[in-house]
């Protein structure tokens, strides 16, 4: 399993894929950082999206997360939809370099190809 790190400056598509396919993403201890990184990657990848469209994308992603990931988000004392909205509204319109600098380095993401442990089915 290859780890995707921020230091390697992956494409926004690769970073979104890695976050969405990492079975440990969106769990307690990383939820905030994962949501921030996912939202910033969306702002880079889909610069034409409005913040509300990014919120809709996250709602769609949540339907593809594992049951444990969905439960972790639902149990979080922070409203994850509002977190995505706040990050998207705060940084909408920033240039790509600024968005990359705002990413939170957690040591990387390890996407898995096991459909039973992934956020998205291939």
N, C-alpha and C. Protein backbone atom coordinates (compact mmCIF):
# COMPACT_ATOMS: atom_id res chain seq x y z
N UNK A 1 0.84 -1.16 0.00
CA UNK A 1 0.00 0.00 0.00
C UNK A 1 0.90 1.24 0.00
N UNK A 2 0.73 2.12 -0.98
CA UNK A 2 1.53 3.32 -1.11
C UNK A 2 0.89 4.45 -0.32
N UNK A 3 1.70 5.13 0.46
CA UNK A 3 1.24 6.26 1.25
C UNK A 3 1.35 7.53 0.41
N UNK A 4 0.28 8.30 0.35
CA UNK A 4 0.26 9.57 -0.35
C UNK A 4 0.52 10.67 0.68
N UNK A 5 1.62 11.39 0.54
CA UNK A 5 1.96 12.42 1.50
C UNK A 5 1.81 13.80 0.87
N UNK A 6 1.59 14.80 1.72
CA UNK A 6 1.50 16.17 1.23
C UNK A 6 2.85 16.64 0.70
N UNK A 7 3.93 16.15 1.31
CA UNK A 7 5.27 16.55 0.89
C UNK A 7 5.54 16.18 -0.56
N UNK A 8 4.90 15.12 -1.04
CA UNK A 8 5.10 14.69 -2.42
C UNK A 8 4.28 15.53 -3.40
N UNK A 9 3.47 16.43 -2.87
CA UNK A 9 2.60 17.32 -3.65
C UNK A 9 1.87 16.55 -4.74
N UNK A 10 0.97 15.65 -4.31
CA UNK A 10 0.21 14.88 -5.30
C UNK A 10 -0.75 15.81 -6.05
N UNK A 11 -1.29 15.32 -7.13
CA UNK A 11 -2.32 16.11 -7.80
C UNK A 11 -3.52 16.19 -6.85
N UNK A 12 -4.35 17.22 -6.99
CA UNK A 12 -5.54 17.29 -6.14
C UNK A 12 -6.42 16.05 -6.28
N UNK A 13 -6.50 15.51 -7.50
CA UNK A 13 -7.29 14.30 -7.73
C UNK A 13 -6.72 13.13 -6.94
N UNK A 14 -5.39 13.00 -6.94
CA UNK A 14 -4.76 11.90 -6.21
C UNK A 14 -4.96 12.07 -4.70
N UNK A 15 -4.88 13.30 -4.23
CA UNK A 15 -5.08 13.54 -2.81
C UNK A 15 -6.52 13.24 -2.40
N UNK A 16 -7.48 13.68 -3.19
CA UNK A 16 -8.89 13.37 -2.88
C UNK A 16 -9.10 11.86 -2.87
N UNK A 17 -8.57 11.17 -3.87
CA UNK A 17 -8.69 9.72 -3.94
C UNK A 17 -8.08 9.08 -2.70
N UNK A 18 -6.89 9.53 -2.32
CA UNK A 18 -6.20 8.94 -1.17
C UNK A 18 -6.99 9.15 0.12
N UNK A 19 -7.50 10.35 0.33
CA UNK A 19 -8.29 10.61 1.54
C UNK A 19 -9.55 9.76 1.53
N UNK A 20 -10.24 9.74 0.41
CA UNK A 20 -11.50 9.01 0.32
C UNK A 20 -11.32 7.51 0.41
N UNK A 21 -10.17 7.00 0.01
CA UNK A 21 -9.92 5.55 0.03
C UNK A 21 -9.18 5.08 1.27
N UNK A 22 -8.76 6.00 2.13
CA UNK A 22 -8.04 5.62 3.34
C UNK A 22 -9.07 5.21 4.40
N UNK A 23 -9.03 3.95 4.78
CA UNK A 23 -10.01 3.43 5.75
C UNK A 23 -9.90 4.07 7.12
N UNK A 24 -8.78 4.74 7.40
CA UNK A 24 -8.61 5.38 8.71
C UNK A 24 -9.04 6.85 8.69
N UNK A 25 -9.37 7.38 7.52
CA UNK A 25 -9.78 8.78 7.42
C UNK A 25 -11.15 8.99 8.07
N UNK A 26 -11.34 10.19 8.56
CA UNK A 26 -12.61 10.63 9.15
C UNK A 26 -12.95 9.92 10.45
N UNK A 27 -11.94 9.40 11.13
CA UNK A 27 -12.14 8.79 12.44
C UNK A 27 -11.68 9.75 13.53
N UNK A 28 -12.05 9.45 14.76
CA UNK A 28 -11.65 10.26 15.90
C UNK A 28 -10.13 10.45 15.87
N UNK A 29 -9.70 11.67 16.10
CA UNK A 29 -8.29 11.99 16.09
C UNK A 29 -7.81 12.55 14.77
N UNK A 30 -8.54 12.28 13.69
CA UNK A 30 -8.13 12.82 12.39
C UNK A 30 -9.27 13.49 11.63
N UNK A 31 -10.48 13.42 12.18
CA UNK A 31 -11.65 13.95 11.45
C UNK A 31 -11.44 15.38 10.98
N UNK A 32 -11.05 16.25 11.91
CA UNK A 32 -10.89 17.66 11.56
C UNK A 32 -9.86 17.83 10.44
N UNK A 33 -8.69 17.23 10.60
CA UNK A 33 -7.63 17.38 9.60
C UNK A 33 -8.05 16.79 8.26
N UNK A 34 -8.73 15.65 8.29
CA UNK A 34 -9.18 15.02 7.05
C UNK A 34 -10.20 15.90 6.33
N UNK A 35 -11.12 16.48 7.07
CA UNK A 35 -12.13 17.35 6.46
C UNK A 35 -11.47 18.60 5.89
N UNK A 36 -10.55 19.20 6.63
CA UNK A 36 -9.85 20.38 6.13
C UNK A 36 -9.09 20.03 4.85
N UNK A 37 -8.31 18.96 4.86
CA UNK A 37 -7.53 18.58 3.68
C UNK A 37 -8.42 18.23 2.50
N UNK A 38 -9.50 17.49 2.76
CA UNK A 38 -10.42 17.11 1.69
C UNK A 38 -11.05 18.37 1.08
N UNK A 39 -11.48 19.30 1.92
CA UNK A 39 -12.13 20.52 1.43
C UNK A 39 -11.13 21.37 0.63
N UNK A 40 -9.92 21.52 1.14
CA UNK A 40 -8.91 22.30 0.42
C UNK A 40 -8.58 21.64 -0.93
N UNK A 41 -8.48 20.31 -0.94
CA UNK A 41 -8.22 19.61 -2.20
C UNK A 41 -9.37 19.82 -3.18
N UNK A 42 -10.59 19.84 -2.67
CA UNK A 42 -11.75 20.13 -3.53
C UNK A 42 -11.66 21.54 -4.11
N UNK A 43 -11.27 22.51 -3.28
CA UNK A 43 -11.15 23.89 -3.76
C UNK A 43 -10.09 24.01 -4.85
N UNK A 44 -9.04 23.21 -4.75
CA UNK A 44 -8.00 23.23 -5.79
C UNK A 44 -8.52 22.51 -7.04
N UNK A 45 -9.06 21.33 -6.85
CA UNK A 45 -9.50 20.49 -7.98
C UNK A 45 -10.70 21.08 -8.71
N UNK A 46 -11.64 21.60 -7.96
CA UNK A 46 -12.89 22.13 -8.53
C UNK A 46 -13.02 23.61 -8.22
N UNK A 47 -12.07 24.39 -8.73
CA UNK A 47 -12.03 25.83 -8.43
C UNK A 47 -13.32 26.54 -8.84
N UNK A 48 -14.04 25.98 -9.78
CA UNK A 48 -15.29 26.59 -10.23
C UNK A 48 -16.47 26.28 -9.31
N UNK A 49 -16.30 25.34 -8.37
CA UNK A 49 -17.38 24.99 -7.45
C UNK A 49 -17.60 26.11 -6.44
N UNK A 50 -18.85 26.30 -6.07
CA UNK A 50 -19.16 27.20 -4.96
C UNK A 50 -18.97 26.42 -3.66
N UNK A 51 -18.83 27.13 -2.55
CA UNK A 51 -18.75 26.41 -1.27
C UNK A 51 -19.93 25.47 -1.04
N UNK A 52 -21.12 25.84 -1.45
CA UNK A 52 -22.28 24.95 -1.27
C UNK A 52 -22.18 23.70 -2.12
N UNK A 53 -21.58 23.81 -3.30
CA UNK A 53 -21.38 22.61 -4.13
C UNK A 53 -20.38 21.67 -3.48
N UNK A 54 -19.38 22.23 -2.81
CA UNK A 54 -18.41 21.40 -2.09
C UNK A 54 -19.09 20.70 -0.92
N UNK A 55 -19.98 21.39 -0.22
CA UNK A 55 -20.75 20.76 0.85
C UNK A 55 -21.56 19.60 0.28
N UNK A 56 -22.17 19.79 -0.87
CA UNK A 56 -22.95 18.71 -1.50
C UNK A 56 -22.05 17.54 -1.88
N UNK A 57 -20.85 17.83 -2.35
CA UNK A 57 -19.89 16.77 -2.68
C UNK A 57 -19.54 15.95 -1.43
N UNK A 58 -19.38 16.64 -0.29
CA UNK A 58 -19.06 15.91 0.93
C UNK A 58 -20.25 15.06 1.38
N UNK A 59 -21.46 15.60 1.25
CA UNK A 59 -22.65 14.81 1.58
C UNK A 59 -22.70 13.55 0.73
N UNK A 60 -22.35 13.68 -0.55
CA UNK A 60 -22.32 12.51 -1.44
C UNK A 60 -21.21 11.56 -1.01
N UNK A 61 -20.04 12.08 -0.67
CA UNK A 61 -18.94 11.23 -0.20
C UNK A 61 -19.37 10.45 1.03
N UNK A 62 -20.06 11.11 1.95
CA UNK A 62 -20.43 10.44 3.20
C UNK A 62 -21.25 9.18 2.94
N UNK A 63 -22.04 9.18 1.89
CA UNK A 63 -22.84 7.98 1.58
C UNK A 63 -21.96 6.82 1.15
N UNK A 64 -20.72 7.10 0.73
CA UNK A 64 -19.81 6.05 0.28
C UNK A 64 -18.78 5.65 1.33
N UNK A 65 -18.78 6.34 2.47
CA UNK A 65 -17.85 5.99 3.54
C UNK A 65 -18.27 4.69 4.20
N UNK A 66 -17.34 4.08 4.91
CA UNK A 66 -17.68 2.87 5.65
C UNK A 66 -18.63 3.23 6.78
N UNK A 67 -19.32 2.24 7.30
CA UNK A 67 -20.24 2.47 8.42
C UNK A 67 -19.49 3.06 9.62
N UNK A 68 -18.27 2.60 9.85
CA UNK A 68 -17.49 3.13 10.98
C UNK A 68 -17.13 4.59 10.76
N UNK A 69 -16.79 4.96 9.54
CA UNK A 69 -16.46 6.35 9.26
C UNK A 69 -17.70 7.25 9.40
N UNK A 70 -18.83 6.78 8.88
CA UNK A 70 -20.08 7.57 9.02
C UNK A 70 -20.44 7.74 10.48
N UNK A 71 -20.32 6.68 11.25
CA UNK A 71 -20.63 6.73 12.68
C UNK A 71 -19.71 7.71 13.40
N UNK A 72 -18.43 7.68 13.04
CA UNK A 72 -17.47 8.58 13.66
C UNK A 72 -17.84 10.04 13.38
N UNK A 73 -18.21 10.33 12.15
CA UNK A 73 -18.63 11.70 11.82
C UNK A 73 -19.91 12.08 12.55
N UNK A 74 -20.85 11.15 12.62
CA UNK A 74 -22.12 11.43 13.31
C UNK A 74 -21.93 11.63 14.81
N UNK A 75 -20.94 10.96 15.39
CA UNK A 75 -20.69 11.07 16.83
C UNK A 75 -19.86 12.29 17.20
N UNK A 76 -19.28 12.95 16.22
CA UNK A 76 -18.42 14.11 16.47
C UNK A 76 -19.25 15.27 16.99
N UNK A 77 -18.73 15.97 17.98
CA UNK A 77 -19.46 17.10 18.55
C UNK A 77 -19.51 18.30 17.60
N UNK A 78 -18.72 18.27 16.55
CA UNK A 78 -18.72 19.32 15.54
C UNK A 78 -19.61 18.86 14.38
N UNK A 79 -20.43 19.76 13.87
CA UNK A 79 -21.25 19.43 12.70
C UNK A 79 -20.33 19.41 11.48
N UNK A 80 -20.10 18.23 10.93
CA UNK A 80 -19.14 18.11 9.83
C UNK A 80 -19.57 18.90 8.61
N UNK A 81 -20.86 19.03 8.36
CA UNK A 81 -21.34 19.82 7.23
C UNK A 81 -20.95 21.28 7.42
N UNK A 82 -21.14 21.78 8.64
CA UNK A 82 -20.76 23.17 8.92
C UNK A 82 -19.25 23.36 8.85
N UNK A 83 -18.48 22.32 9.22
CA UNK A 83 -17.02 22.40 9.14
C UNK A 83 -16.60 22.53 7.67
N UNK A 84 -17.16 21.70 6.80
CA UNK A 84 -16.86 21.77 5.37
C UNK A 84 -17.25 23.15 4.84
N UNK A 85 -18.45 23.60 5.20
CA UNK A 85 -18.94 24.90 4.74
C UNK A 85 -18.01 26.04 5.20
N UNK A 86 -17.60 25.99 6.47
CA UNK A 86 -16.74 27.04 7.02
C UNK A 86 -15.39 27.08 6.30
N UNK A 87 -14.78 25.92 6.11
CA UNK A 87 -13.49 25.87 5.42
C UNK A 87 -13.65 26.35 3.97
N UNK A 88 -14.68 25.86 3.28
CA UNK A 88 -14.89 26.24 1.88
C UNK A 88 -15.15 27.74 1.76
N UNK A 89 -15.98 28.29 2.63
CA UNK A 89 -16.26 29.74 2.58
C UNK A 89 -15.02 30.55 2.93
N UNK A 90 -14.25 30.09 3.91
CA UNK A 90 -13.08 30.84 4.36
C UNK A 90 -11.98 30.92 3.30
N UNK A 91 -11.83 29.87 2.52
CA UNK A 91 -10.69 29.81 1.60
C UNK A 91 -11.08 29.81 0.12
N UNK A 92 -12.35 29.96 -0.18
CA UNK A 92 -12.80 30.04 -1.56
C UNK A 92 -12.13 31.24 -2.24
N UNK A 93 -11.61 31.04 -3.42
CA UNK A 93 -10.98 32.12 -4.17
C UNK A 93 -9.49 32.27 -3.93
N UNK A 94 -8.94 31.53 -2.97
CA UNK A 94 -7.48 31.57 -2.75
C UNK A 94 -6.79 30.85 -3.90
N UNK A 95 -5.55 31.24 -4.16
CA UNK A 95 -4.83 30.56 -5.23
C UNK A 95 -4.34 29.19 -4.75
N UNK A 96 -3.97 28.37 -5.70
CA UNK A 96 -3.60 26.98 -5.40
C UNK A 96 -2.46 26.88 -4.39
N UNK A 97 -1.45 27.71 -4.52
CA UNK A 97 -0.31 27.65 -3.60
C UNK A 97 -0.74 27.95 -2.17
N UNK A 98 -1.59 28.94 -1.99
CA UNK A 98 -2.08 29.26 -0.64
C UNK A 98 -2.86 28.07 -0.06
N UNK A 99 -3.66 27.43 -0.88
CA UNK A 99 -4.44 26.29 -0.41
C UNK A 99 -3.53 25.14 0.00
N UNK A 100 -2.47 24.88 -0.79
CA UNK A 100 -1.54 23.81 -0.43
C UNK A 100 -0.86 24.11 0.90
N UNK A 101 -0.53 25.37 1.13
CA UNK A 101 0.13 25.75 2.37
C UNK A 101 -0.77 25.59 3.59
N UNK A 102 -2.07 25.59 3.39
CA UNK A 102 -3.02 25.43 4.49
C UNK A 102 -3.27 23.97 4.86
N UNK A 103 -2.84 23.05 4.01
CA UNK A 103 -3.06 21.62 4.27
C UNK A 103 -2.37 21.21 5.57
N UNK A 104 -2.98 20.25 6.24
CA UNK A 104 -2.47 19.76 7.52
C UNK A 104 -1.77 18.43 7.27
N UNK A 105 -0.46 18.41 7.46
CA UNK A 105 0.32 17.20 7.21
C UNK A 105 0.17 16.23 8.39
N UNK A 106 -0.39 15.08 8.10
CA UNK A 106 -0.59 14.04 9.12
C UNK A 106 0.27 12.82 8.85
N UNK A 107 1.21 12.94 7.95
CA UNK A 107 2.04 11.80 7.61
C UNK A 107 1.55 11.07 6.39
N UNK A 108 0.45 11.49 5.81
CA UNK A 108 -0.04 10.92 4.57
C UNK A 108 -1.27 10.06 4.73
N UNK A 109 -1.75 9.62 3.60
CA UNK A 109 -2.94 8.78 3.52
C UNK A 109 -2.56 7.49 2.81
N UNK A 110 -3.16 6.40 3.23
CA UNK A 110 -2.85 5.09 2.66
C UNK A 110 -4.12 4.50 2.04
N UNK A 111 -4.37 4.83 0.78
CA UNK A 111 -5.56 4.26 0.14
C UNK A 111 -5.45 2.76 0.01
N UNK A 112 -6.55 2.10 0.22
CA UNK A 112 -6.59 0.64 0.10
C UNK A 112 -7.46 0.26 -1.08
N UNK A 113 -7.23 -0.90 -1.63
CA UNK A 113 -8.06 -1.33 -2.76
C UNK A 113 -9.13 -2.33 -2.32
N UNK A 114 -9.21 -2.61 -1.03
CA UNK A 114 -10.22 -3.53 -0.52
C UNK A 114 -11.56 -2.80 -0.44
N UNK A 115 -12.55 -3.17 -1.27
CA UNK A 115 -13.82 -2.44 -1.27
C UNK A 115 -14.56 -2.50 0.06
N UNK A 116 -14.21 -3.44 0.92
CA UNK A 116 -14.85 -3.50 2.22
C UNK A 116 -14.24 -2.52 3.22
N UNK A 117 -13.13 -1.89 2.86
CA UNK A 117 -12.46 -0.97 3.75
C UNK A 117 -12.26 0.40 3.12
N UNK A 118 -12.96 0.70 2.05
CA UNK A 118 -12.72 1.95 1.36
C UNK A 118 -13.91 2.87 1.43
N UNK A 119 -13.64 4.13 1.14
CA UNK A 119 -14.69 5.11 1.10
C UNK A 119 -15.43 5.07 -0.21
N UNK A 120 -14.74 4.71 -1.27
CA UNK A 120 -15.36 4.67 -2.60
C UNK A 120 -15.08 3.33 -3.24
N UNK A 121 -16.06 2.79 -3.90
CA UNK A 121 -15.83 1.57 -4.68
C UNK A 121 -15.31 1.97 -6.04
N UNK A 122 -14.31 1.25 -6.51
CA UNK A 122 -13.71 1.56 -7.81
C UNK A 122 -14.61 1.05 -8.90
